[in-house]
């Protein structure tokens, strides 16, 4: 099945995290004669390397009845959103306090963002909210509008029920 929408946003932030992993591994190697360093710093470097590989890019993709949001290429963090649970969507912008990564926003709702401030704000029928960072906000918003409109159509008709 070919997705109707698929977009991957890349981030230069992972390069800083890769560099941090190299620093930790190097310190462990250089200071190998200090008793705790060889046992502490290389494992921390490996964990940081895994985090960097997990936040290299953010992919948003349609998979039939769900929208999949995943960081990668190491797929440790993924979320699916059922279209049936979405009440509406808006193009928005995250605040500087919203930042990057995965976390609960001070304004309410979850933020999944890898770079930049443009986002799609998904409002759920249960009152929840999710902000998904993207450098393709207009195209994603248009796709979601079409997807939500088509999910409200009863079979055999071309209009929204009242």
N, C-alpha and C. Protein backbone atom coordinates (compact mmCIF):
# COMPACT_ATOMS: atom_id res chain seq x y z
N UNK A 1 0.84 -1.18 0.00
CA UNK A 1 0.00 0.00 0.00
C UNK A 1 0.89 1.25 0.00
N UNK A 2 0.69 2.12 -0.96
CA UNK A 2 1.41 3.37 -1.03
C UNK A 2 0.69 4.41 -0.19
N UNK A 3 1.39 5.08 0.73
CA UNK A 3 0.72 6.08 1.57
C UNK A 3 0.30 7.29 0.74
N UNK A 4 -0.85 7.88 1.12
CA UNK A 4 -1.30 9.10 0.45
C UNK A 4 -0.43 10.28 0.85
N UNK A 5 0.16 10.21 2.02
CA UNK A 5 1.04 11.28 2.49
C UNK A 5 2.22 10.66 3.22
N UNK A 6 3.41 11.12 2.91
CA UNK A 6 4.62 10.70 3.62
C UNK A 6 5.65 11.81 3.47
N UNK A 7 6.15 12.28 4.60
CA UNK A 7 7.16 13.33 4.57
C UNK A 7 8.15 13.11 5.71
N UNK A 8 9.42 13.28 5.41
CA UNK A 8 10.48 13.15 6.41
C UNK A 8 11.21 14.48 6.52
N UNK A 9 11.28 14.98 7.75
CA UNK A 9 12.02 16.20 8.03
C UNK A 9 13.32 15.82 8.72
N UNK A 10 14.42 16.36 8.25
CA UNK A 10 15.72 16.08 8.84
C UNK A 10 16.14 17.25 9.73
N UNK A 11 17.04 16.95 10.67
CA UNK A 11 17.47 17.96 11.61
C UNK A 11 18.98 17.95 11.78
N UNK A 12 19.61 19.13 11.79
CA UNK A 12 21.04 19.18 12.06
C UNK A 12 21.36 18.97 13.54
N UNK A 13 20.36 19.01 14.39
CA UNK A 13 20.57 18.83 15.83
C UNK A 13 21.23 17.49 16.15
N UNK A 14 20.93 16.47 15.37
CA UNK A 14 21.52 15.15 15.62
C UNK A 14 23.04 15.18 15.51
N UNK A 15 23.57 16.08 14.69
CA UNK A 15 25.03 16.17 14.55
C UNK A 15 25.67 16.58 15.88
N UNK A 16 25.02 17.47 16.60
CA UNK A 16 25.53 17.86 17.92
C UNK A 16 25.47 16.69 18.90
N UNK A 17 24.41 15.91 18.80
CA UNK A 17 24.28 14.76 19.70
C UNK A 17 25.30 13.69 19.34
N UNK A 18 25.55 13.47 18.04
CA UNK A 18 26.61 12.54 17.63
C UNK A 18 27.96 13.01 18.17
N UNK A 19 28.23 14.31 18.08
CA UNK A 19 29.50 14.86 18.58
C UNK A 19 29.63 14.63 20.09
N UNK A 20 28.54 14.81 20.82
CA UNK A 20 28.55 14.57 22.26
C UNK A 20 28.87 13.11 22.57
N UNK A 21 28.32 12.20 21.78
CA UNK A 21 28.61 10.76 21.96
C UNK A 21 30.09 10.49 21.74
N UNK A 22 30.66 11.12 20.72
CA UNK A 22 32.09 10.94 20.44
C UNK A 22 32.94 11.49 21.59
N UNK A 23 32.52 12.62 22.15
CA UNK A 23 33.26 13.20 23.28
C UNK A 23 33.26 12.23 24.46
N UNK A 24 32.11 11.67 24.79
CA UNK A 24 32.05 10.73 25.92
C UNK A 24 32.91 9.49 25.65
N UNK A 25 32.85 8.95 24.44
CA UNK A 25 33.67 7.77 24.12
C UNK A 25 35.15 8.12 24.16
N UNK A 26 35.51 9.30 23.67
CA UNK A 26 36.91 9.72 23.68
C UNK A 26 37.44 9.93 25.08
N UNK A 27 36.65 10.56 25.94
CA UNK A 27 37.07 10.75 27.33
C UNK A 27 37.30 9.40 27.99
N UNK A 28 36.43 8.44 27.70
CA UNK A 28 36.61 7.10 28.26
C UNK A 28 37.89 6.44 27.78
N UNK A 29 38.25 6.70 26.54
CA UNK A 29 39.48 6.12 25.99
C UNK A 29 40.72 6.83 26.52
N UNK A 30 40.70 8.16 26.51
CA UNK A 30 41.86 8.95 26.94
C UNK A 30 42.14 8.78 28.43
N UNK A 31 41.09 8.73 29.23
CA UNK A 31 41.26 8.61 30.68
C UNK A 31 41.03 7.18 31.16
N UNK A 32 41.48 6.22 30.39
CA UNK A 32 41.23 4.81 30.71
C UNK A 32 41.92 4.35 31.99
N UNK A 33 42.92 5.10 32.46
CA UNK A 33 43.61 4.71 33.69
C UNK A 33 42.91 5.22 34.95
N UNK A 34 41.96 6.13 34.80
CA UNK A 34 41.17 6.60 35.95
C UNK A 34 40.11 5.54 36.22
N UNK A 35 40.03 5.03 37.47
CA UNK A 35 39.22 3.84 37.75
C UNK A 35 37.77 3.86 37.24
N UNK A 36 37.01 4.92 37.46
CA UNK A 36 35.58 4.90 37.09
C UNK A 36 35.33 5.29 35.63
N UNK A 37 36.23 6.02 35.03
CA UNK A 37 36.00 6.58 33.69
C UNK A 37 35.74 5.51 32.63
N UNK A 38 36.57 4.45 32.49
CA UNK A 38 36.32 3.49 31.40
C UNK A 38 34.99 2.75 31.55
N UNK A 39 34.47 2.66 32.74
CA UNK A 39 33.21 1.94 32.96
C UNK A 39 32.00 2.85 32.85
N UNK A 40 32.22 4.15 32.96
CA UNK A 40 31.11 5.09 32.96
C UNK A 40 30.94 5.80 31.62
N UNK A 41 32.01 6.38 31.09
CA UNK A 41 31.88 7.24 29.92
C UNK A 41 31.55 6.50 28.63
N UNK A 42 32.18 5.39 28.27
CA UNK A 42 31.78 4.71 27.02
C UNK A 42 30.32 4.25 27.01
N UNK A 43 29.78 3.68 28.11
CA UNK A 43 28.36 3.33 28.06
C UNK A 43 27.45 4.55 27.90
N UNK A 44 27.82 5.66 28.53
CA UNK A 44 27.03 6.88 28.36
C UNK A 44 27.12 7.33 26.90
N UNK A 45 28.31 7.22 26.29
CA UNK A 45 28.48 7.56 24.88
C UNK A 45 27.61 6.70 23.98
N UNK A 46 27.48 5.42 24.30
CA UNK A 46 26.63 4.51 23.51
C UNK A 46 25.16 4.90 23.63
N UNK A 47 24.73 5.25 24.83
CA UNK A 47 23.34 5.68 25.04
C UNK A 47 23.08 6.96 24.25
N UNK A 48 24.00 7.90 24.32
CA UNK A 48 23.84 9.16 23.58
C UNK A 48 23.84 8.90 22.07
N UNK A 49 24.65 7.97 21.61
CA UNK A 49 24.66 7.59 20.19
C UNK A 49 23.30 7.03 19.76
N UNK A 50 22.71 6.20 20.61
CA UNK A 50 21.37 5.65 20.31
C UNK A 50 20.32 6.77 20.27
N UNK A 51 20.43 7.73 21.17
CA UNK A 51 19.50 8.86 21.17
C UNK A 51 19.67 9.67 19.89
N UNK A 52 20.93 9.92 19.49
CA UNK A 52 21.17 10.66 18.25
C UNK A 52 20.56 9.94 17.05
N UNK A 53 20.74 8.63 16.99
CA UNK A 53 20.17 7.86 15.88
C UNK A 53 18.65 7.83 15.94
N UNK A 54 18.08 8.00 17.12
CA UNK A 54 16.62 8.02 17.26
C UNK A 54 16.02 9.35 16.84
N UNK A 55 16.80 10.43 16.93
CA UNK A 55 16.28 11.76 16.61
C UNK A 55 16.98 12.37 15.40
N UNK A 56 17.32 11.53 14.43
CA UNK A 56 17.96 12.00 13.20
C UNK A 56 16.95 12.66 12.27
N UNK A 57 15.75 12.11 12.22
CA UNK A 57 14.69 12.69 11.40
C UNK A 57 13.33 12.35 11.99
N UNK A 58 12.31 13.06 11.50
CA UNK A 58 10.92 12.85 11.92
C UNK A 58 10.10 12.58 10.67
N UNK A 59 9.44 11.43 10.64
CA UNK A 59 8.61 11.05 9.51
C UNK A 59 7.14 11.05 9.93
N UNK A 60 6.31 11.67 9.10
CA UNK A 60 4.86 11.66 9.29
C UNK A 60 4.29 10.97 8.06
N UNK A 61 3.50 9.90 8.29
CA UNK A 61 3.06 9.08 7.16
C UNK A 61 1.66 8.54 7.39
N UNK A 62 0.88 8.58 6.32
CA UNK A 62 -0.45 7.98 6.31
C UNK A 62 -0.32 6.47 6.17
N UNK A 63 -1.06 5.73 6.99
CA UNK A 63 -1.10 4.27 6.85
C UNK A 63 -2.54 3.78 6.95
N UNK A 64 -3.35 4.26 6.02
CA UNK A 64 -4.73 3.81 5.94
C UNK A 64 -5.64 4.55 6.91
N UNK A 65 -5.90 3.97 8.07
CA UNK A 65 -6.80 4.60 9.03
C UNK A 65 -6.06 5.30 10.17
N UNK A 66 -4.72 5.37 10.07
CA UNK A 66 -3.92 6.05 11.10
C UNK A 66 -2.83 6.91 10.46
N UNK A 67 -2.44 7.93 11.20
CA UNK A 67 -1.29 8.74 10.86
C UNK A 67 -0.16 8.30 11.79
N UNK A 68 0.96 7.91 11.21
CA UNK A 68 2.09 7.44 12.01
C UNK A 68 3.12 8.57 12.09
N UNK A 69 3.56 8.85 13.30
CA UNK A 69 4.58 9.86 13.55
C UNK A 69 5.74 9.13 14.21
N UNK A 70 6.92 9.17 13.57
CA UNK A 70 8.04 8.41 14.14
C UNK A 70 9.36 9.12 13.92
N UNK A 71 10.17 9.05 14.94
CA UNK A 71 11.55 9.52 14.84
C UNK A 71 12.39 8.36 14.36
N UNK A 72 13.53 8.65 13.76
CA UNK A 72 14.37 7.57 13.29
C UNK A 72 15.72 8.07 12.88
N UNK A 73 16.56 7.22 12.33
CA UNK A 73 16.27 5.91 11.75
C UNK A 73 16.13 4.79 12.78
N UNK A 74 16.68 4.96 13.97
CA UNK A 74 16.48 3.95 15.01
C UNK A 74 15.08 4.18 15.59
N UNK A 75 14.12 3.28 15.33
CA UNK A 75 12.71 3.56 15.63
C UNK A 75 12.32 3.32 17.09
N UNK A 76 12.92 4.08 18.00
CA UNK A 76 12.57 3.93 19.42
C UNK A 76 11.31 4.69 19.79
N UNK A 77 11.01 5.77 19.07
CA UNK A 77 9.88 6.63 19.42
C UNK A 77 8.93 6.74 18.25
N UNK A 78 7.71 6.27 18.46
CA UNK A 78 6.68 6.27 17.41
C UNK A 78 5.32 6.45 18.05
N UNK A 79 4.44 7.12 17.34
CA UNK A 79 3.08 7.32 17.81
C UNK A 79 2.13 7.20 16.63
N UNK A 80 0.99 6.59 16.86
CA UNK A 80 -0.04 6.54 15.83
C UNK A 80 -1.25 7.33 16.29
N UNK A 81 -1.88 7.97 15.32
CA UNK A 81 -3.09 8.76 15.60
C UNK A 81 -4.18 8.24 14.68
N UNK A 82 -5.25 7.73 15.25
CA UNK A 82 -6.37 7.26 14.44
C UNK A 82 -7.15 8.46 13.93
N UNK A 83 -7.43 8.46 12.62
CA UNK A 83 -8.17 9.58 12.03
C UNK A 83 -9.55 9.72 12.69
N UNK A 84 -10.12 8.62 13.10
CA UNK A 84 -11.45 8.65 13.73
C UNK A 84 -11.44 9.40 15.06
N UNK A 85 -10.26 9.58 15.69
CA UNK A 85 -10.17 10.28 16.97
C UNK A 85 -9.91 11.77 16.81
N UNK A 86 -9.68 12.24 15.58
CA UNK A 86 -9.34 13.65 15.33
C UNK A 86 -10.62 14.45 15.13
N UNK A 87 -10.74 15.55 15.89
CA UNK A 87 -11.87 16.47 15.72
C UNK A 87 -11.54 17.52 14.66
N UNK A 88 -10.32 18.09 14.71
CA UNK A 88 -9.91 19.10 13.74
C UNK A 88 -8.40 19.25 13.77
N UNK A 89 -7.88 19.97 12.78
CA UNK A 89 -6.45 20.26 12.73
C UNK A 89 -6.26 21.72 12.31
N UNK A 90 -5.15 22.30 12.75
CA UNK A 90 -4.78 23.67 12.38
C UNK A 90 -3.29 23.71 12.08
N UNK A 91 -2.91 24.65 11.22
CA UNK A 91 -1.49 24.94 11.06
C UNK A 91 -1.14 25.88 12.21
N UNK A 92 -0.04 25.61 12.88
CA UNK A 92 0.35 26.44 14.01
C UNK A 92 1.85 26.63 14.09
N UNK A 93 2.27 27.21 15.20
CA UNK A 93 3.69 27.39 15.48
C UNK A 93 3.93 27.05 16.94
N UNK A 94 5.00 26.35 17.18
CA UNK A 94 5.38 26.05 18.55
C UNK A 94 6.08 27.29 19.13
N UNK A 95 6.09 27.39 20.44
CA UNK A 95 6.82 28.49 21.09
C UNK A 95 8.26 28.05 21.33
N UNK A 96 9.10 28.99 21.67
CA UNK A 96 10.48 28.62 22.01
C UNK A 96 10.50 27.72 23.24
N UNK A 97 9.55 27.90 24.15
CA UNK A 97 9.47 27.04 25.33
C UNK A 97 9.05 25.62 24.97
N UNK A 98 8.31 25.46 23.87
CA UNK A 98 7.92 24.11 23.43
C UNK A 98 9.15 23.32 23.01
N UNK A 99 10.11 23.97 22.39
CA UNK A 99 11.38 23.34 22.07
C UNK A 99 11.28 22.17 21.11
N UNK A 100 12.23 21.23 21.29
CA UNK A 100 12.38 20.09 20.40
C UNK A 100 12.20 18.79 21.17
N UNK A 101 11.92 17.72 20.46
CA UNK A 101 11.80 16.41 21.10
C UNK A 101 10.35 16.03 21.34
N UNK A 102 10.16 15.20 22.36
CA UNK A 102 8.83 14.71 22.74
C UNK A 102 8.59 15.12 24.18
N UNK A 103 7.55 15.90 24.41
CA UNK A 103 7.25 16.32 25.77
C UNK A 103 5.86 16.95 25.84
N UNK A 104 5.40 17.15 27.05
CA UNK A 104 4.12 17.82 27.27
C UNK A 104 4.36 19.32 27.27
N UNK A 105 3.55 20.06 26.54
CA UNK A 105 3.70 21.50 26.40
C UNK A 105 3.12 22.25 27.58
N UNK A 106 3.69 23.39 27.89
CA UNK A 106 3.13 24.26 28.93
C UNK A 106 1.75 24.78 28.53
N UNK A 107 1.49 24.86 27.22
CA UNK A 107 0.18 25.31 26.72
C UNK A 107 -0.84 24.19 26.71
N UNK A 108 -0.42 22.99 27.03
CA UNK A 108 -1.31 21.84 27.02
C UNK A 108 -1.10 20.99 25.79
N UNK A 109 -1.16 19.69 25.95
CA UNK A 109 -0.99 18.77 24.84
C UNK A 109 0.46 18.39 24.61
N UNK A 110 0.63 17.33 23.84
CA UNK A 110 1.96 16.81 23.55
C UNK A 110 2.59 17.51 22.36
N UNK A 111 3.91 17.60 22.37
CA UNK A 111 4.69 18.16 21.26
C UNK A 111 5.63 17.07 20.77
N UNK A 112 5.63 16.85 19.45
CA UNK A 112 6.60 15.98 18.78
C UNK A 112 7.24 16.86 17.71
N UNK A 113 8.48 17.27 17.95
CA UNK A 113 9.12 18.22 17.05
C UNK A 113 10.61 17.91 16.94
N UNK A 114 11.15 18.06 15.74
CA UNK A 114 12.58 17.80 15.55
C UNK A 114 13.36 19.05 15.17
N UNK A 115 12.71 20.02 14.53
CA UNK A 115 13.44 21.22 14.14
C UNK A 115 12.44 22.26 13.66
N UNK A 116 12.66 23.51 13.98
CA UNK A 116 11.80 24.60 13.51
C UNK A 116 10.59 24.79 14.40
N UNK A 117 9.77 25.75 14.01
CA UNK A 117 8.61 26.09 14.83
C UNK A 117 7.28 25.81 14.16
N UNK A 118 7.27 25.56 12.83
CA UNK A 118 6.00 25.25 12.15
C UNK A 118 5.50 23.89 12.61
N UNK A 119 4.18 23.79 12.75
CA UNK A 119 3.60 22.52 13.20
C UNK A 119 2.16 22.40 12.74
N UNK A 120 1.65 21.22 12.90
CA UNK A 120 0.22 20.94 12.75
C UNK A 120 -0.31 20.65 14.15
N UNK A 121 -1.38 21.32 14.51
CA UNK A 121 -1.99 21.09 15.81
C UNK A 121 -3.21 20.19 15.58
N UNK A 122 -3.17 19.02 16.18
CA UNK A 122 -4.26 18.06 16.06
C UNK A 122 -5.11 18.17 17.33
N UNK A 123 -6.39 18.46 17.15
CA UNK A 123 -7.34 18.53 18.27
C UNK A 123 -8.14 17.24 18.26
N UNK A 124 -8.11 16.53 19.37
CA UNK A 124 -8.80 15.25 19.46
C UNK A 124 -10.23 15.43 19.96
N UNK A 125 -11.07 14.49 19.64
CA UNK A 125 -12.47 14.52 20.08
C UNK A 125 -12.59 14.47 21.60
N UNK A 126 -11.60 13.87 22.27
CA UNK A 126 -11.64 13.77 23.73
C UNK A 126 -11.10 15.03 24.41
N UNK A 127 -10.74 16.06 23.63
CA UNK A 127 -10.25 17.31 24.18
C UNK A 127 -8.74 17.42 24.21
N UNK A 128 -8.03 16.35 23.90
CA UNK A 128 -6.57 16.38 23.89
C UNK A 128 -6.03 17.13 22.69
N UNK A 129 -4.74 17.35 22.72
CA UNK A 129 -4.08 18.13 21.67
C UNK A 129 -2.68 17.56 21.42
N UNK A 130 -2.26 17.59 20.16
CA UNK A 130 -0.94 17.13 19.77
C UNK A 130 -0.38 18.09 18.73
N UNK A 131 0.81 18.63 18.98
CA UNK A 131 1.50 19.48 18.02
C UNK A 131 2.61 18.67 17.37
N UNK A 132 2.54 18.54 16.05
CA UNK A 132 3.53 17.77 15.30
C UNK A 132 4.35 18.74 14.46
N UNK A 133 5.63 18.88 14.80
CA UNK A 133 6.50 19.77 14.06
C UNK A 133 6.75 19.24 12.65
N UNK A 134 6.79 20.16 11.68
CA UNK A 134 7.02 19.77 10.29
C UNK A 134 7.48 20.97 9.48
N UNK A 135 8.27 20.71 8.45
CA UNK A 135 8.63 21.76 7.50
C UNK A 135 7.73 21.68 6.27
N UNK A 136 6.63 20.96 6.38
CA UNK A 136 5.67 20.75 5.30
C UNK A 136 4.25 20.95 5.83
N UNK A 137 4.06 21.99 6.65
CA UNK A 137 2.80 22.17 7.37
C UNK A 137 1.59 22.33 6.45
N UNK A 138 1.71 23.13 5.40
CA UNK A 138 0.56 23.36 4.51
C UNK A 138 0.11 22.08 3.81
N UNK A 139 1.06 21.30 3.30
CA UNK A 139 0.71 20.05 2.61
C UNK A 139 0.10 19.04 3.58
N UNK A 140 0.66 18.94 4.78
CA UNK A 140 0.11 18.02 5.77
C UNK A 140 -1.29 18.47 6.20
N UNK A 141 -1.48 19.77 6.38
CA UNK A 141 -2.80 20.28 6.75
C UNK A 141 -3.84 19.96 5.67
N UNK A 142 -3.47 20.17 4.41
CA UNK A 142 -4.38 19.88 3.30
C UNK A 142 -4.70 18.38 3.24
N UNK A 143 -3.68 17.54 3.41
CA UNK A 143 -3.92 16.10 3.42
C UNK A 143 -4.89 15.72 4.55
N UNK A 144 -4.65 16.24 5.74
CA UNK A 144 -5.52 15.90 6.88
C UNK A 144 -6.94 16.40 6.67
N UNK A 145 -7.10 17.59 6.08
CA UNK A 145 -8.46 18.09 5.79
C UNK A 145 -9.18 17.13 4.84
N UNK A 146 -8.48 16.73 3.78
CA UNK A 146 -9.09 15.78 2.82
C UNK A 146 -9.42 14.46 3.51
N UNK A 147 -8.51 13.98 4.31
CA UNK A 147 -8.70 12.68 4.99
C UNK A 147 -9.88 12.76 5.95
N UNK A 148 -9.97 13.83 6.72
CA UNK A 148 -11.07 13.97 7.67
C UNK A 148 -12.39 14.18 6.95
N UNK A 149 -12.40 14.95 5.87
CA UNK A 149 -13.63 15.15 5.10
C UNK A 149 -14.12 13.83 4.52
N UNK A 150 -13.21 13.02 3.99
CA UNK A 150 -13.62 11.76 3.38
C UNK A 150 -14.08 10.77 4.44
N UNK A 151 -13.59 10.89 5.66
CA UNK A 151 -14.01 9.95 6.70
C UNK A 151 -15.41 10.27 7.21
N UNK A 152 -15.91 11.51 6.95
CA UNK A 152 -17.26 11.87 7.37
C UNK A 152 -18.31 11.53 6.33
N UNK A 153 -17.88 11.20 5.11
CA UNK A 153 -18.83 10.92 4.04
C UNK A 153 -19.41 9.52 4.17
N UNK A 154 -20.71 9.40 4.21
CA UNK A 154 -21.29 8.07 4.13
C UNK A 154 -21.04 7.50 2.75
N UNK A 155 -20.93 6.19 2.64
CA UNK A 155 -20.64 5.60 1.36
C UNK A 155 -21.74 5.93 0.34
N UNK A 156 -21.29 6.28 -0.88
CA UNK A 156 -22.22 6.59 -1.96
C UNK A 156 -22.63 8.05 -2.02
N UNK A 157 -22.14 8.91 -1.10
CA UNK A 157 -22.47 10.33 -1.16
C UNK A 157 -21.21 11.15 -1.20
N UNK A 158 -21.36 12.39 -1.61
CA UNK A 158 -20.20 13.29 -1.71
C UNK A 158 -20.32 14.49 -0.80
N UNK A 159 -21.09 14.39 0.26
CA UNK A 159 -21.22 15.54 1.15
C UNK A 159 -21.11 15.09 2.61
N UNK A 160 -20.89 16.06 3.46
CA UNK A 160 -20.76 15.80 4.88
C UNK A 160 -22.15 15.68 5.51
N UNK A 161 -22.36 14.71 6.39
CA UNK A 161 -23.68 14.61 7.01
C UNK A 161 -23.92 15.78 7.96
N UNK A 162 -25.18 16.15 8.10
CA UNK A 162 -25.53 17.25 9.04
C UNK A 162 -25.68 16.76 10.45
